């Protein structure tokens, strides 16, 4: 016999409500990334990275539309370049060539995705110290002079004397 009383949800009160449409990033997260230089978009089921992310330091932020020099909290003109981008544990199959919009990037974490290749201009990120590409089906990184073969669990960089393999985490 079924109970007449509905069982209480043990997670009630601990779940976060997210009114952001799927595949987008809430403006407050982008605002924080402009301040800190770090953006963590892991575990969001993203199949593509939204254009607002790639244009983080290019587009005029929402808070800049009403300029007030008295507001010391929202100094959008003091934004920091992105140095750490975490896109781990999503459904990404590719990264945009717009990754070059982040020349100060030192850490790029794209592990646990469905990446099939990495953009050609990834090598232009001269400050990149750590590239995490673990646990996905990376088939090929199309970089001139850098044929890359890979399998589930990592990649192997071949024939490139200029590429620092210590940047890879596999």
Protein backbone atom coordinates (compact mmCIF):
# COMPACT_ATOMS: atom_id res chain seq x y z
CA UNK A 1 0.00 0.00 0.00
CA UNK A 2 1.37 3.40 -0.99
CA UNK A 3 1.90 6.03 1.64
CA UNK A 4 -0.37 9.05 1.58
CA UNK A 5 2.48 11.29 2.65
CA UNK A 6 5.10 12.56 0.26
CA UNK A 7 8.66 11.89 1.41
CA UNK A 8 10.66 15.07 1.98
CA UNK A 9 13.52 15.81 -0.37
CA UNK A 10 16.75 15.30 1.63
CA UNK A 11 18.52 17.87 -0.58
CA UNK A 12 15.88 20.55 -0.10
CA UNK A 13 17.45 23.89 0.66
CA UNK A 14 20.87 22.81 -0.61
CA UNK A 15 20.18 22.85 -4.32
CA UNK A 16 21.13 25.94 -6.26
CA UNK A 17 18.59 27.37 -8.62
CA UNK A 18 20.12 28.26 -11.95
CA UNK A 19 18.03 30.56 -14.10
CA UNK A 20 20.74 30.72 -16.77
CA UNK A 21 19.69 29.07 -20.04
CA UNK A 22 21.64 25.96 -20.99
CA UNK A 23 24.75 26.68 -23.05
CA UNK A 24 25.24 30.18 -21.65
CA UNK A 25 27.28 31.64 -18.83
CA UNK A 26 25.76 33.90 -16.21
CA UNK A 27 27.05 37.49 -16.45
CA UNK A 28 28.16 37.45 -12.81
CA UNK A 29 30.55 34.57 -13.58
CA UNK A 30 32.05 36.54 -16.47
CA UNK A 31 32.31 39.62 -14.25
CA UNK A 32 34.21 37.64 -11.63
CA UNK A 33 36.51 36.22 -14.32
CA UNK A 34 37.37 39.76 -15.45
CA UNK A 35 38.37 40.59 -11.87
CA UNK A 36 40.29 37.41 -11.01
CA UNK A 37 41.70 36.33 -14.37
CA UNK A 38 40.29 32.83 -13.79
CA UNK A 39 37.23 31.19 -15.32
CA UNK A 40 35.97 27.77 -14.28
CA UNK A 41 33.25 26.34 -16.52
CA UNK A 42 33.75 22.70 -15.61
CA UNK A 43 30.86 20.22 -15.38
CA UNK A 44 28.29 22.37 -17.18
CA UNK A 45 27.42 19.97 -20.01
CA UNK A 46 28.64 22.52 -22.56
CA UNK A 47 28.86 21.20 -26.11
CA UNK A 48 30.41 24.49 -27.24
CA UNK A 49 32.00 27.37 -25.40
CA UNK A 50 29.69 30.40 -25.62
CA UNK A 51 30.93 33.37 -27.68
CA UNK A 52 30.65 35.59 -24.60
CA UNK A 53 33.52 33.62 -23.08
CA UNK A 54 35.81 34.02 -26.10
CA UNK A 55 35.04 37.76 -26.13
CA UNK A 56 35.51 38.18 -22.36
CA UNK A 57 38.15 40.92 -22.58
CA UNK A 58 36.93 42.37 -25.88
CA UNK A 59 33.25 43.23 -25.42
CA UNK A 60 32.17 46.09 -23.20
CA UNK A 61 30.83 44.49 -20.03
CA UNK A 62 27.28 45.14 -18.85
CA UNK A 63 28.51 47.05 -15.80
CA UNK A 64 30.32 49.51 -18.09
CA UNK A 65 27.10 50.73 -19.67
CA UNK A 66 26.33 52.85 -16.62
CA UNK A 67 29.64 54.46 -15.74
CA UNK A 68 30.13 55.86 -12.28
CA UNK A 69 33.56 56.83 -11.01
CA UNK A 70 32.20 56.71 -7.46
CA UNK A 71 31.58 52.96 -7.63
CA UNK A 72 34.83 51.41 -6.37
CA UNK A 73 33.48 47.85 -6.54
CA UNK A 74 32.80 47.67 -10.29
CA UNK A 75 35.92 49.12 -11.85
CA UNK A 76 35.51 47.34 -15.17
CA UNK A 77 38.41 49.33 -16.61
CA UNK A 78 40.73 47.50 -14.20
CA UNK A 79 39.86 44.08 -15.59
CA UNK A 80 42.51 41.37 -15.57
CA UNK A 81 43.48 39.28 -18.57
CA UNK A 82 42.39 35.68 -18.35
CA UNK A 83 45.25 33.47 -17.14
CA UNK A 84 43.38 30.30 -16.15
CA UNK A 85 40.58 28.68 -18.17
CA UNK A 86 39.00 25.46 -16.94
CA UNK A 87 36.63 23.77 -19.36
CA UNK A 88 36.95 20.27 -17.87
CA UNK A 89 34.22 17.62 -17.78
CA UNK A 90 31.99 18.99 -20.50
CA UNK A 91 30.86 17.71 -23.89
CA UNK A 92 33.24 19.77 -26.03
CA UNK A 93 34.37 18.28 -29.33
CA UNK A 94 36.49 21.25 -30.39
CA UNK A 95 37.93 24.54 -29.16
CA UNK A 96 37.50 27.73 -31.11
CA UNK A 97 40.37 29.51 -32.82
CA UNK A 98 39.27 32.40 -30.58
CA UNK A 99 41.42 30.85 -27.85
CA UNK A 100 44.02 33.29 -29.17
CA UNK A 101 41.98 36.08 -27.54
CA UNK A 102 43.66 35.03 -24.29
CA UNK A 103 47.39 35.65 -24.84
CA UNK A 104 48.07 35.74 -21.08
CA UNK A 105 46.63 32.25 -20.56
CA UNK A 106 48.94 30.10 -18.43
CA UNK A 107 46.60 27.19 -17.64
CA UNK A 108 44.14 25.54 -20.02
CA UNK A 109 42.29 22.55 -18.60
CA UNK A 110 40.12 20.71 -21.11
CA UNK A 111 40.34 17.22 -19.64
CA UNK A 112 37.38 14.85 -19.73
CA UNK A 113 35.79 16.18 -22.91
CA UNK A 114 35.22 14.75 -26.37
CA UNK A 115 37.91 16.74 -28.13
CA UNK A 116 38.93 15.42 -31.52
CA UNK A 117 41.54 18.10 -32.19
CA UNK A 118 42.98 21.30 -30.78
CA UNK A 119 43.08 24.62 -32.67
CA UNK A 120 46.09 25.44 -34.83
CA UNK A 121 46.77 28.69 -33.01
CA UNK A 122 47.15 27.04 -29.60
CA UNK A 123 50.91 27.41 -30.02
CA UNK A 124 50.55 31.19 -30.13
CA UNK A 125 49.77 31.14 -26.41
CA UNK A 126 53.35 31.80 -25.36
CA UNK A 127 52.52 32.04 -21.65
CA UNK A 128 50.82 28.64 -21.55
CA UNK A 129 52.47 26.56 -18.83
CA UNK A 130 49.91 23.78 -18.33
CA UNK A 131 47.66 22.11 -20.88
CA UNK A 132 45.50 19.33 -19.43
CA UNK A 133 44.03 17.09 -22.15
CA UNK A 134 43.49 13.87 -20.17
CA UNK A 135 40.64 11.39 -20.51
CA UNK A 136 39.09 12.09 -23.88
CA UNK A 137 39.34 10.80 -27.41
CA UNK A 138 41.91 13.18 -28.78
CA UNK A 139 42.62 11.99 -32.30
CA UNK A 140 44.78 14.72 -33.73
CA UNK A 141 46.20 18.12 -32.89
CA UNK A 142 46.55 19.96 -36.17
CA UNK A 143 49.48 22.23 -35.57
CA UNK A 144 51.99 22.90 -38.35
CA UNK A 145 54.95 20.60 -37.86
CA UNK A 146 53.29 18.90 -34.90
CA UNK A 147 51.57 15.70 -35.88
CA UNK A 148 49.92 14.34 -32.77
CA UNK A 149 48.47 10.94 -32.26
CA UNK A 150 46.49 10.03 -29.26
CA UNK A 151 44.19 7.57 -27.64
CA UNK A 152 41.83 7.52 -24.74
CA UNK A 153 43.73 8.83 -21.78
CA UNK A 154 46.21 11.16 -23.41
CA UNK A 155 48.20 12.34 -26.38
CA UNK A 156 51.72 12.09 -27.63
CA UNK A 157 53.45 15.07 -29.22
CA UNK A 158 55.82 14.14 -32.02
CA UNK A 159 58.41 15.95 -34.15
CA UNK A 160 58.30 19.41 -32.63
CA UNK A 161 61.49 20.67 -31.02
CA UNK A 162 59.79 23.94 -29.97
CA UNK A 163 56.91 22.39 -28.06
CA UNK A 164 57.52 21.92 -24.36
CA UNK A 165 56.02 18.56 -23.48
CA UNK A 166 55.98 19.59 -19.82
CA UNK A 167 52.97 21.74 -20.74
CA UNK A 168 50.95 18.60 -21.35
CA UNK A 169 49.17 16.70 -18.63
CA UNK A 170 48.04 13.39 -20.00
